[in-house]
Amino acid sequence: MSKTVTASEAKNRLGAIMDWAVKNKDDVIIEKRGEPRVVMMAYSDYEELLKMREQMRRAEALAKLQQAAAKIQQNNQDLTEADADALADRIMRDTLKRMVAEGKVIYK
């Protein structure tokens, strides 16, 4: 269970509070004027938290991509394979022309 200390206590007993957090693998909530302000935790727990945040970020990004793919698929149900190939070819040619004009691609 988390431990709660005041900012003054945290300042005066920083080393002991750090040791407690590491030893007990638990968090220490530091309050200022009765309001929680920061949490102290073992670095290994912090690394796990970062991993979980990254996993959540990736899951959210994947969900957004899947929603976009579903919307695109729904909006293009009547697009034939030949139409899709022609569209892709036009996009590729337009992009290549722009890159040549910008000097990013040089043809001799």
PDB file of N, CA and C in Angstrom:
ATOM      1  N   MET A   1       0.840  -1.181   0.000  1.00  0.00           N
ATOM      2  CA  MET A   1       0.000   0.000   0.000  1.00  0.00           C
ATOM      3  C   MET A   1       0.887   1.247   0.000  1.00  0.00           C
ATOM      4  N   SER A   2       0.492   2.238  -0.773  1.00  0.00           N
ATOM      5  CA  SER A   2       1.271   3.465  -0.877  1.00  0.00           C
ATOM      6  C   SER A   2       1.404   4.156   0.467  1.00  0.00           C
ATOM      7  N   LYS A   3       2.501   4.857   0.596  1.00  0.00           N
ATOM      8  CA  LYS A   3       2.771   5.647   1.795  1.00  0.00           C
ATOM      9  C   LYS A   3       2.626   7.109   1.393  1.00  0.00           C
ATOM     10  N   THR A   4       2.096   7.931   2.300  1.00  0.00           N
ATOM     11  CA  THR A   4       1.928   9.354   2.027  1.00  0.00           C
ATOM     12  C   THR A   4       2.740  10.147   3.039  1.00  0.00           C
ATOM     13  N   VAL A   5       3.515  11.124   2.530  1.00  0.00           N
ATOM     14  CA  VAL A   5       4.307  11.999   3.402  1.00  0.00           C
ATOM     15  C   VAL A   5       4.128  13.433   2.934  1.00  0.00           C
ATOM     16  N   THR A   6       4.430  14.337   3.827  1.00  0.00           N
ATOM     17  CA  THR A   6       4.375  15.754   3.465  1.00  0.00           C
ATOM     18  C   THR A   6       5.660  16.127   2.729  1.00  0.00           C
ATOM     19  N   ALA A   7       5.618  17.237   2.040  1.00  0.00           N
ATOM     20  CA  ALA A   7       6.808  17.719   1.339  1.00  0.00           C
ATOM     21  C   ALA A   7       7.934  17.991   2.328  1.00  0.00           C
ATOM     22  N   SER A   8       7.603  18.530   3.484  1.00  0.00           N
ATOM     23  CA  SER A   8       8.625  18.807   4.500  1.00  0.00           C
ATOM     24  C   SER A   8       9.285  17.518   4.976  1.00  0.00           C
ATOM     25  N   GLU A   9       8.468  16.491   5.225  1.00  0.00           N
ATOM     26  CA  GLU A   9       9.015  15.205   5.656  1.00  0.00           C
ATOM     27  C   GLU A   9       9.881  14.597   4.556  1.00  0.00           C
ATOM     28  N   ALA A  10       9.437  14.706   3.316  1.00  0.00           N
ATOM     29  CA  ALA A  10      10.215  14.169   2.201  1.00  0.00           C
ATOM     30  C   ALA A  10      11.557  14.875   2.094  1.00  0.00           C
ATOM     31  N   LYS A  11      11.558  16.160   2.317  1.00  0.00           N
ATOM     32  CA  LYS A  11      12.798  16.941   2.264  1.00  0.00           C
ATOM     33  C   LYS A  11      13.745  16.508   3.376  1.00  0.00           C
ATOM     34  N   ASN A  12      13.217  16.337   4.563  1.00  0.00           N
ATOM     35  CA  ASN A  12      14.049  15.996   5.720  1.00  0.00           C
ATOM     36  C   ASN A  12      14.488  14.541   5.749  1.00  0.00           C
ATOM     37  N   ARG A  13      13.699  13.654   5.129  1.00  0.00           N
ATOM     38  CA  ARG A  13      13.997  12.222   5.217  1.00  0.00           C
ATOM     39  C   ARG A  13      14.122  11.576   3.837  1.00  0.00           C
ATOM     40  N   LEU A  14      14.627  12.309   2.871  1.00  0.00           N
ATOM     41  CA  LEU A  14      14.669  11.833   1.491  1.00  0.00           C
ATOM     42  C   LEU A  14      15.312  10.464   1.365  1.00  0.00           C
ATOM     43  N   GLY A  15      16.498  10.286   1.930  1.00  0.00           N
ATOM     44  CA  GLY A  15      17.199   9.010   1.817  1.00  0.00           C
ATOM     45  C   GLY A  15      16.395   7.855   2.373  1.00  0.00           C
ATOM     46  N   ALA A  16      15.810   8.038   3.541  1.00  0.00           N
ATOM     47  CA  ALA A  16      15.016   6.975   4.170  1.00  0.00           C
ATOM     48  C   ALA A  16      13.766   6.666   3.355  1.00  0.00           C
ATOM     49  N   ILE A  17      13.136   7.686   2.807  1.00  0.00           N
ATOM     50  CA  ILE A  17      11.929   7.481   1.997  1.00  0.00           C
ATOM     51  C   ILE A  17      12.279   6.761   0.701  1.00  0.00           C
ATOM     52  N   MET A  18      13.391   7.129   0.100  1.00  0.00           N
ATOM     53  CA  MET A  18      13.841   6.427  -1.108  1.00  0.00           C
ATOM     54  C   MET A  18      14.083   4.956  -0.799  1.00  0.00           C
ATOM     55  N   ASP A  19      14.788   4.688   0.291  1.00  0.00           N
ATOM     56  CA  ASP A  19      15.069   3.307   0.682  1.00  0.00           C
ATOM     57  C   ASP A  19      13.782   2.528   0.917  1.00  0.00           C
ATOM     58  N   TRP A  20      12.803   3.176   1.570  1.00  0.00           N
ATOM     59  CA  TRP A  20      11.530   2.516   1.831  1.00  0.00           C
ATOM     60  C   TRP A  20      10.832   2.141   0.527  1.00  0.00           C
ATOM     61  N   ALA A  21      10.814   3.051  -0.438  1.00  0.00           N
ATOM     62  CA  ALA A  21      10.146   2.805  -1.719  1.00  0.00           C
ATOM     63  C   ALA A  21      10.794   1.631  -2.458  1.00  0.00           C
ATOM     64  N   VAL A  22      12.131   1.585  -2.430  1.00  0.00           N
ATOM     65  CA  VAL A  22      12.841   0.507  -3.131  1.00  0.00           C
ATOM     66  C   VAL A  22      12.633  -0.818  -2.398  1.00  0.00           C
ATOM     67  N   LYS A  23      12.821  -0.808  -1.080  1.00  0.00           N
ATOM     68  CA  LYS A  23      12.715  -2.024  -0.279  1.00  0.00           C
ATOM     69  C   LYS A  23      11.313  -2.630  -0.371  1.00  0.00           C
ATOM     70  N   ASN A  24      10.298  -1.791  -0.273  1.00  0.00           N
ATOM     71  CA  ASN A  24       8.915  -2.263  -0.263  1.00  0.00           C
ATOM     72  C   ASN A  24       8.296  -2.363  -1.659  1.00  0.00           C
ATOM     73  N   LYS A  25       9.045  -1.923  -2.683  1.00  0.00           N
ATOM     74  CA  LYS A  25       8.530  -1.900  -4.062  1.00  0.00           C
ATOM     75  C   LYS A  25       7.134  -1.264  -4.080  1.00  0.00           C
ATOM     76  N   ASP A  26       7.053  -0.113  -3.429  1.00  0.00           N
ATOM     77  CA  ASP A  26       5.793   0.594  -3.333  1.00  0.00           C
ATOM     78  C   ASP A  26       6.027   2.087  -3.554  1.00  0.00           C
ATOM     79  N   ASP A  27       4.952   2.788  -3.775  1.00  0.00           N
ATOM     80  CA  ASP A  27       5.023   4.215  -4.073  1.00  0.00           C
ATOM     81  C   ASP A  27       4.940   5.046  -2.799  1.00  0.00           C
ATOM     82  N   VAL A  28       5.504   6.243  -2.884  1.00  0.00           N
ATOM     83  CA  VAL A  28       5.376   7.230  -1.817  1.00  0.00           C
ATOM     84  C   VAL A  28       4.756   8.472  -2.437  1.00  0.00           C
ATOM     85  N   ILE A  29       3.606   8.837  -1.930  1.00  0.00           N
ATOM     86  CA  ILE A  29       2.916  10.025  -2.413  1.00  0.00           C
ATOM     87  C   ILE A  29       3.387  11.199  -1.554  1.00  0.00           C
ATOM     88  N   ILE A  30       3.839  12.246  -2.213  1.00  0.00           N
ATOM     89  CA  ILE A  30       4.324  13.422  -1.494  1.00  0.00           C
ATOM     90  C   ILE A  30       3.299  14.536  -1.676  1.00  0.00           C
ATOM     91  N   GLU A  31       2.801  15.002  -0.534  1.00  0.00           N
ATOM     92  CA  GLU A  31       1.768  16.030  -0.546  1.00  0.00           C
ATOM     93  C   GLU A  31       2.336  17.394  -0.179  1.00  0.00           C
ATOM     94  N   LYS A  32       1.705  18.410  -0.715  1.00  0.00           N
ATOM     95  CA  LYS A  32       2.020  19.789  -0.342  1.00  0.00           C
ATOM     96  C   LYS A  32       0.697  20.454   0.007  1.00  0.00           C
ATOM     97  N   ARG A  33       0.621  20.935   1.242  1.00  0.00           N
ATOM     98  CA  ARG A  33      -0.611  21.551   1.745  1.00  0.00           C
ATOM     99  C   ARG A  33      -1.814  20.609   1.622  1.00  0.00           C
ATOM    100  N   GLY A  34      -1.556  19.330   1.891  1.00  0.00           N
ATOM    101  CA  GLY A  34      -2.625  18.332   1.884  1.00  0.00           C
ATOM    102  C   GLY A  34      -3.029  17.815   0.523  1.00  0.00           C
ATOM    103  N   GLU A  35      -2.391  18.304  -0.538  1.00  0.00           N
ATOM    104  CA  GLU A  35      -2.720  17.877  -1.902  1.00  0.00           C
ATOM    105  C   GLU A  35      -1.589  17.019  -2.463  1.00  0.00           C
ATOM    106  N   PRO A  36      -1.904  15.855  -3.029  1.00  0.00           N
ATOM    107  CA  PRO A  36      -0.859  15.037  -3.659  1.00  0.00           C
ATOM    108  C   PRO A  36      -0.205  15.808  -4.797  1.00  0.00           C
ATOM    109  N   ARG A  37       1.135  15.853  -4.822  1.00  0.00           N
ATOM    110  CA  ARG A  37       1.854  16.612  -5.847  1.00  0.00           C
ATOM    111  C   ARG A  37       2.717  15.712  -6.723  1.00  0.00           C
ATOM    112  N   VAL A  38       3.449  14.784  -6.109  1.00  0.00           N
ATOM    113  CA  VAL A  38       4.322  13.889  -6.867  1.00  0.00           C
ATOM    114  C   VAL A  38       4.306  12.505  -6.228  1.00  0.00           C
ATOM    115  N   VAL A  39       4.813  11.548  -6.981  1.00  0.00           N
ATOM    116  CA  VAL A  39       4.936  10.184  -6.477  1.00  0.00           C
ATOM    117  C   VAL A  39       6.381   9.761  -6.634  1.00  0.00           C
ATOM    118  N   MET A  40       6.933   9.169  -5.591  1.00  0.00           N
ATOM    119  CA  MET A  40       8.278   8.608  -5.643  1.00  0.00           C
ATOM    120  C   MET A  40       8.111   7.089  -5.739  1.00  0.00           C
ATOM    121  N   MET A  41       8.871   6.476  -6.622  1.00  0.00           N
ATOM    122  CA  MET A  41       8.791   5.026  -6.780  1.00  0.00           C
ATOM    123  C   MET A  41      10.161   4.478  -7.134  1.00  0.00           C
ATOM    124  N   ALA A  42      10.321   3.191  -6.972  1.00  0.00           N
ATOM    125  CA  ALA A  42      11.566   2.537  -7.355  1.00  0.00           C
ATOM    126  C   ALA A  42      11.763   2.710  -8.864  1.00  0.00           C
ATOM    127  N   TYR A  43      13.007   2.851  -9.284  1.00  0.00           N
ATOM    128  CA  TYR A  43      13.283   3.086 -10.702  1.00  0.00           C
ATOM    129  C   TYR A  43      12.798   1.915 -11.560  1.00  0.00           C
ATOM    130  N   SER A  44      12.914   0.705 -11.053  1.00  0.00           N
ATOM    131  CA  SER A  44      12.440  -0.465 -11.813  1.00  0.00           C
ATOM    132  C   SER A  44      10.930  -0.365 -12.070  1.00  0.00           C
ATOM    133  N   ASP A  45      10.180   0.143 -11.093  1.00  0.00           N
ATOM    134  CA  ASP A  45       8.743   0.339 -11.284  1.00  0.00           C
ATOM    135  C   ASP A  45       8.485   1.425 -12.323  1.00  0.00           C
ATOM    136  N   TYR A  46       9.296   2.458 -12.301  1.00  0.00           N
ATOM    137  CA  TYR A  46       9.174   3.541 -13.278  1.00  0.00           C
ATOM    138  C   TYR A  46       9.412   3.016 -14.693  1.00  0.00           C
ATOM    139  N   GLU A  47      10.419   2.162 -14.853  1.00  0.00           N
ATOM    140  CA  GLU A  47      10.694   1.578 -16.173  1.00  0.00           C
ATOM    141  C   GLU A  47       9.501   0.756 -16.657  1.00  0.00           C
ATOM    142  N   GLU A  48       8.878   0.011 -15.761  1.00  0.00           N
ATOM    143  CA  GLU A  48       7.691  -0.760 -16.128  1.00  0.00           C
ATOM    144  C   GLU A  48       6.545   0.155 -16.534  1.00  0.00           C
ATOM    145  N   LEU A  49       6.393   1.250 -15.806  1.00  0.00           N
ATOM    146  CA  LEU A  49       5.362   2.226 -16.140  1.00  0.00           C
ATOM    147  C   LEU A  49       5.591   2.794 -17.542  1.00  0.00           C
ATOM    148  N   LEU A  50       6.839   3.109 -17.869  1.00  0.00           N
ATOM    149  CA  LEU A  50       7.155   3.625 -19.200  1.00  0.00           C
ATOM    150  C   LEU A  50       6.819   2.596 -20.276  1.00  0.00           C
ATOM    151  N   LYS A  51       7.119   1.331 -20.016  1.00  0.00           N
ATOM    152  CA  LYS A  51       6.790   0.270 -20.982  1.00  0.00           C
ATOM    153  C   LYS A  51       5.285   0.180 -21.203  1.00  0.00           C
ATOM    154  N   MET A  52       4.530   0.252 -20.107  1.00  0.00           N
ATOM    155  CA  MET A  52       3.072   0.187 -20.230  1.00  0.00           C
ATOM    156  C   MET A  52       2.524   1.389 -20.992  1.00  0.00           C
ATOM    157  N   ARG A  53       3.063   2.561 -20.732  1.00  0.00           N
ATOM    158  CA  ARG A  53       2.635   3.759 -21.468  1.00  0.00           C
ATOM    159  C   ARG A  53       2.888   3.590 -22.959  1.00  0.00           C
ATOM    160  N   GLU A  54       4.061   3.064 -23.300  1.00  0.00           N
ATOM    161  CA  GLU A  54       4.399   2.860 -24.712  1.00  0.00           C
ATOM    162  C   GLU A  54       3.467   1.837 -25.345  1.00  0.00           C
ATOM    163  N   GLN A  55       3.157   0.768 -24.627  1.00  0.00           N
ATOM    164  CA  GLN A  55       2.229  -0.236 -25.146  1.00  0.00           C
ATOM    165  C   GLN A  55       0.856   0.373 -25.382  1.00  0.00           C
ATOM    166  N   MET A  56       0.413   1.212 -24.456  1.00  0.00           N
ATOM    167  CA  MET A  56      -0.882   1.877 -24.620  1.00  0.00           C
ATOM    168  C   MET A  56      -0.859   2.831 -25.804  1.00  0.00           C
ATOM    169  N   ARG A  57       0.238   3.571 -25.956  1.00  0.00           N
ATOM    170  CA  ARG A  57       0.349   4.498 -27.079  1.00  0.00           C
ATOM    171  C   ARG A  57       0.281   3.750 -28.399  1.00  0.00           C
ATOM    172  N   ARG A  58       0.994   2.625 -28.459  1.00  0.00           N
ATOM    173  CA  ARG A  58       0.980   1.832 -29.697  1.00  0.00           C
ATOM    174  C   ARG A  58      -0.388   1.227 -29.963  1.00  0.00           C
ATOM    175  N   ALA A  59      -1.059   0.757 -28.918  1.00  0.00           N
ATOM    176  CA  ALA A  59      -2.394   0.186 -29.089  1.00  0.00           C
ATOM    177  C   ALA A  59      -3.364   1.251 -29.597  1.00  0.00           C
ATOM    178  N   GLU A  60      -3.271   2.464 -29.063  1.00  0.00           N
ATOM    179  CA  GLU A  60      -4.129   3.556 -29.524  1.00  0.00           C
ATOM    180  C   GLU A  60      -3.830   3.915 -30.975  1.00  0.00           C
ATOM    181  N   ALA A  61      -2.556   3.953 -31.328  1.00  0.00           N
ATOM    182  CA  ALA A  61      -2.184   4.259 -32.715  1.00  0.00           C
ATOM    183  C   ALA A  61      -2.698   3.178 -33.661  1.00  0.00           C
ATOM    184  N   LEU A  62      -2.572   1.911 -33.249  1.00  0.00           N
ATOM    185  CA  LEU A  62      -3.058   0.812 -34.081  1.00  0.00           C
ATOM    186  C   LEU A  62      -4.570   0.903 -34.255  1.00  0.00           C
ATOM    187  N   ALA A  63      -5.279   1.214 -33.178  1.00  0.00           N
ATOM    188  CA  ALA A  63      -6.736   1.340 -33.270  1.00  0.00           C
ATOM    189  C   ALA A  63      -7.125   2.457 -34.235  1.00  0.00           C
ATOM    190  N   LYS A  64      -6.404   3.583 -34.191  1.00  0.00           N
ATOM    191  CA  LYS A  64      -6.688   4.688 -35.115  1.00  0.00           C
ATOM    192  C   LYS A  64      -6.415   4.275 -36.559  1.00  0.00           C
ATOM    193  N   LEU A  65      -5.322   3.554 -36.779  1.00  0.00           N
ATOM    194  CA  LEU A  65      -5.013   3.081 -38.132  1.00  0.00           C
ATOM    195  C   LEU A  65      -6.078   2.111 -38.632  1.00  0.00           C
ATOM    196  N   GLN A  66      -6.536   1.233 -37.756  1.00  0.00           N
ATOM    197  CA  GLN A  66      -7.578   0.277 -38.150  1.00  0.00           C
ATOM    198  C   GLN A  66      -8.880   0.997 -38.478  1.00  0.00           C
ATOM    199  N   GLN A  67      -9.211   2.043 -37.712  1.00  0.00           N
ATOM    200  CA  GLN A  67     -10.411   2.830 -38.002  1.00  0.00           C
ATOM    201  C   GLN A  67     -10.278   3.536 -39.349  1.00  0.00           C
ATOM    202  N   ALA A  68      -9.096   4.094 -39.602  1.00  0.00           N
ATOM    203  CA  ALA A  68      -8.866   4.773 -40.876  1.00  0.00           C
ATOM    204  C   ALA A  68      -8.954   3.785 -42.036  1.00  0.00           C
ATOM    205  N   ALA A  69      -8.379   2.607 -41.856  1.00  0.00           N
ATOM    206  CA  ALA A  69      -8.418   1.590 -42.914  1.00  0.00           C
ATOM    207  C   ALA A  69      -9.858   1.164 -43.194  1.00  0.00           C
ATOM    208  N   ALA A  70     -10.639   0.982 -42.141  1.00  0.00           N
ATOM    209  CA  ALA A  70     -12.039   0.594 -42.323  1.00  0.00           C
ATOM    210  C   ALA A  70     -12.817   1.685 -43.056  1.00  0.00           C
ATOM    211  N   LYS A  71     -12.552   2.943 -42.693  1.00  0.00           N
ATOM    212  CA  LYS A  71     -13.244   4.054 -43.351  1.00  0.00           C
ATOM    213  C   LYS A  71     -12.846   4.149 -44.823  1.00  0.00           C
ATOM    214  N   ILE A  72     -11.563   3.999 -45.096  1.00  0.00           N
ATOM    215  CA  ILE A  72     -11.090   4.044 -46.486  1.00  0.00           C
ATOM    216  C   ILE A  72     -11.703   2.907 -47.283  1.00  0.00           C
ATOM    217  N   GLN A  73     -11.713   1.721 -46.680  1.00  0.00           N
ATOM    218  CA  GLN A  73     -12.290   0.568 -47.376  1.00  0.00           C
ATOM    219  C   GLN A  73     -13.774   0.793 -47.649  1.00  0.00           C
ATOM    220  N   GLN A  74     -14.489   1.341 -46.684  1.00  0.00           N
ATOM    221  CA  GLN A  74     -15.911   1.617 -46.853  1.00  0.00           C
ATOM    222  C   GLN A  74     -16.144   2.650 -47.949  1.00  0.00           C
ATOM    223  N   ASN A  75     -15.273   3.687 -47.987  1.00  0.00           N
ATOM    224  CA  ASN A  75     -15.445   4.746 -48.982  1.00  0.00           C
ATOM    225  C   ASN A  75     -15.044   4.312 -50.388  1.00  0.00           C
ATOM    226  N   ASN A  76     -14.340   3.198 -50.501  1.00  0.00           N
ATOM    227  CA  ASN A  76     -13.836   2.778 -51.815  1.00  0.00           C
ATOM    228  C   ASN A  76     -14.336   1.395 -52.211  1.00  0.00           C
ATOM    229  N   GLN A  77     -15.514   1.022 -51.751  1.00  0.00           N
ATOM    230  CA  GLN A  77     -16.051  -0.295 -52.066  1.00  0.00           C
ATOM    231  C   GLN A  77     -16.271  -0.497 -53.558  1.00  0.00           C
ATOM    232  N   ASP A  78     -16.571   0.571 -54.287  1.00  0.00           N
ATOM    233  CA  ASP A  78     -16.843   0.461 -55.718  1.00  0.00           C
ATOM    234  C   ASP A  78     -15.590   0.615 -56.581  1.00  0.00           C
ATOM    235  N   LEU A  79     -14.421   0.776 -55.959  1.00  0.00           N
ATOM    236  CA  LEU A  79     -13.172   0.954 -56.692  1.00  0.00           C
ATOM    237  C   LEU A  79     -12.680  -0.399 -57.211  1.00  0.00           C
ATOM    238  N   THR A  80     -12.535  -0.498 -58.526  1.00  0.00           N
ATOM    239  CA  THR A  80     -12.046  -1.752 -59.100  1.00  0.00           C
ATOM    240  C   THR A  80     -10.533  -1.823 -58.951  1.00  0.00           C
ATOM    241  N   GLU A  81      -9.988  -3.000 -59.154  1.00  0.00           N
ATOM    242  CA  GLU A  81      -8.534  -3.166 -59.061  1.00  0.00           C
ATOM    243  C   GLU A  81      -7.837  -2.339 -60.144  1.00  0.00           C
ATOM    244  N   ALA A  82      -8.426  -2.279 -61.321  1.00  0.00           N
ATOM    245  CA  ALA A  82      -7.845  -1.481 -62.405  1.00  0.00           C
ATOM    246  C   ALA A  82      -7.864   0.012 -62.046  1.00  0.00           C
ATOM    247  N   ASP A  83      -8.973   0.462 -61.467  1.00  0.00           N
ATOM    248  CA  ASP A  83      -9.054   1.853 -61.032  1.00  0.00           C
ATOM    249  C   ASP A  83      -8.014   2.158 -59.955  1.00  0.00           C
ATOM    250  N   ALA A  84      -7.844   1.234 -59.015  1.00  0.00           N
ATOM    251  CA  ALA A  84      -6.859   1.419 -57.939  1.00  0.00           C
ATOM    252  C   ALA A  84      -5.452   1.480 -58.516  1.00  0.00           C
ATOM    253  N   ASP A  85      -5.145   0.601 -59.489  1.00  0.00           N
ATOM    254  CA  ASP A  85      -3.825   0.624 -60.122  1.00  0.00           C
ATOM    255  C   ASP A  85      -3.594   1.935 -60.863  1.00  0.00           C
ATOM    256  N   ALA A  86      -4.611   2.414 -61.570  1.00  0.00           N
ATOM    257  CA  ALA A  86      -4.482   3.673 -62.309  1.00  0.00           C
ATOM    258  C   ALA A  86      -4.271   4.837 -61.338  1.00  0.00           C
ATOM    259  N   LEU A  87      -4.991   4.842 -60.229  1.00  0.00           N
ATOM    260  CA  LEU A  87      -4.844   5.892 -59.229  1.00  0.00           C
ATOM    261  C   LEU A  87      -3.441   5.857 -58.619  1.00  0.00           C
ATOM    262  N   ALA A  88      -2.972   4.676 -58.290  1.00  0.00           N
ATOM    263  CA  ALA A  88      -1.625   4.535 -57.718  1.00  0.00           C
ATOM    264  C   ALA A  88      -0.574   5.011 -58.718  1.00  0.00           C
ATOM    265  N   ASP A  89      -0.760   4.678 -59.981  1.00  0.00           N
ATOM    266  CA  ASP A  89       0.190   5.097 -61.018  1.00  0.00           C
ATOM    267  C   ASP A  89       0.200   6.620 -61.144  1.00  0.00           C
ATOM    268  N   ARG A  90      -0.983   7.228 -61.135  1.00  0.00           N
ATOM    269  CA  ARG A  90      -1.069   8.690 -61.233  1.00  0.00           C
ATOM    270  C   ARG A  90      -0.401   9.368 -60.032  1.00  0.00           C
ATOM    271  N   ILE A  91      -0.629   8.851 -58.849  1.00  0.00           N
ATOM    272  CA  ILE A  91      -0.020   9.416 -57.646  1.00  0.00           C
ATOM    273  C   ILE A  91       1.499   9.287 -57.714  1.00  0.00           C
ATOM    274  N   MET A  92       1.972   8.133 -58.162  1.00  0.00           N
ATOM    275  CA  MET A  92       3.414   7.921 -58.267  1.00  0.00           C
ATOM    276  C   MET A  92       4.037   8.892 -59.276  1.00  0.00           C
ATOM    277  N   ARG A  93       3.393   9.049 -60.425  1.00  0.00           N
ATOM    278  CA  ARG A  93       3.923   9.959 -61.451  1.00  0.00           C
ATOM    279  C   ARG A  93       3.909  11.414 -60.961  1.00  0.00           C
ATOM    280  N   ASP A  94       2.826  11.836 -60.328  1.00  0.00           N
ATOM    281  CA  ASP A  94       2.747  13.201 -59.797  1.00  0.00           C
ATOM    282  C   ASP A  94       3.821  13.440 -58.740  1.00  0.00           C
ATOM    283  N   THR A  95       4.021  12.469 -57.878  1.00  0.00           N
ATOM    284  CA  THR A  95       5.039  12.595 -56.837  1.00  0.00           C
ATOM    285  C   THR A  95       6.428  12.663 -57.456  1.00  0.00           C
ATOM    286  N   LEU A  96       6.693  11.830 -58.416  1.00  0.00           N
ATOM    287  CA  LEU A  96       7.995  11.818 -59.078  1.00  0.00           C
ATOM    288  C   LEU A  96       8.254  13.148 -59.791  1.00  0.00           C
ATOM    289  N   LYS A  97       7.243  13.701 -60.463  1.00  0.00           N
ATOM    290  CA  LYS A  97       7.398  14.995 -61.124  1.00  0.00           C
ATOM    291  C   LYS A  97       7.733  16.087 -60.103  1.00  0.00           C
ATOM    292  N   ARG A  98       7.035  16.066 -58.976  1.00  0.00           N
ATOM    293  CA  ARG A  98       7.284  17.066 -57.937  1.00  0.00           C
ATOM    294  C   ARG A  98       8.695  16.921 -57.371  1.00  0.00           C
ATOM    295  N   MET A  99       9.142  15.711 -57.167  1.00  0.00           N
ATOM    296  CA  MET A  99      10.488  15.483 -56.633  1.00  0.00           C
ATOM    297  C   MET A  99      11.562  15.922 -57.618  1.00  0.00           C
ATOM    298  N   VAL A 100      11.314  15.726 -58.913  1.00  0.00           N
ATOM    299  CA  VAL A 100      12.246  16.192 -59.942  1.00  0.00           C
ATOM    300  C   VAL A 100      12.280  17.718 -59.933  1.00  0.00           C
ATOM    301  N   ALA A 101      11.098  18.332 -59.855  1.00  0.00           N
ATOM    302  CA  ALA A 101      11.026  19.796 -59.838  1.00  0.00           C
ATOM    303  C   ALA A 101      11.721  20.378 -58.607  1.00  0.00           C
ATOM    304  N   GLU A 102      11.689  19.667 -57.483  1.00  0.00           N
ATOM    305  CA  GLU A 102      12.332  20.133 -56.251  1.00  0.00           C
ATOM    306  C   GLU A 102      13.820  19.757 -56.193  1.00  0.00           C
ATOM    307  N   GLY A 103      14.289  19.039 -57.221  1.00  0.00           N
ATOM    308  CA  GLY A 103      15.696  18.654 -57.261  1.00  0.00           C
ATOM    309  C   GLY A 103      16.044  17.487 -56.355  1.00  0.00           C
ATOM    310  N   LYS A 104      15.041  16.766 -55.885  1.00  0.00           N
ATOM    311  CA  LYS A 104      15.274  15.623 -55.005  1.00  0.00           C
ATOM    312  C   LYS A 104      15.608  14.356 -55.804  1.00  0.00           C
ATOM    313  N   VAL A 105      15.174  14.351 -57.064  1.00  0.00           N
ATOM    314  CA  VAL A 105      15.458  13.230 -57.961  1.00  0.00           C
ATOM    315  C   VAL A 105      15.979  13.828 -59.261  1.00  0.00           C
ATOM    316  N   ILE A 106      17.040  13.270 -59.782  1.00  0.00           N
ATOM    317  CA  ILE A 106      17.646  13.772 -61.013  1.00  0.00           C
ATOM    318  C   ILE A 106      17.675  12.656 -62.045  1.00  0.00           C
ATOM    319  N   TYR A 107      17.118  12.919 -63.239  1.00  0.00           N
ATOM    320  CA  TYR A 107      17.139  11.970 -64.342  1.00  0.00           C
ATOM    321  C   TYR A 107      18.066  12.500 -65.416  1.00  0.00           C
ATOM    322  N   LYS A 108      18.860  11.621 -65.971  1.00  0.00           N
ATOM    323  CA  LYS A 108      19.759  12.012 -67.068  1.00  0.00           C
ATOM    324  C   LYS A 108      19.390  11.278 -68.322  1.00  0.00           C
TER     325      LYS A 108
END
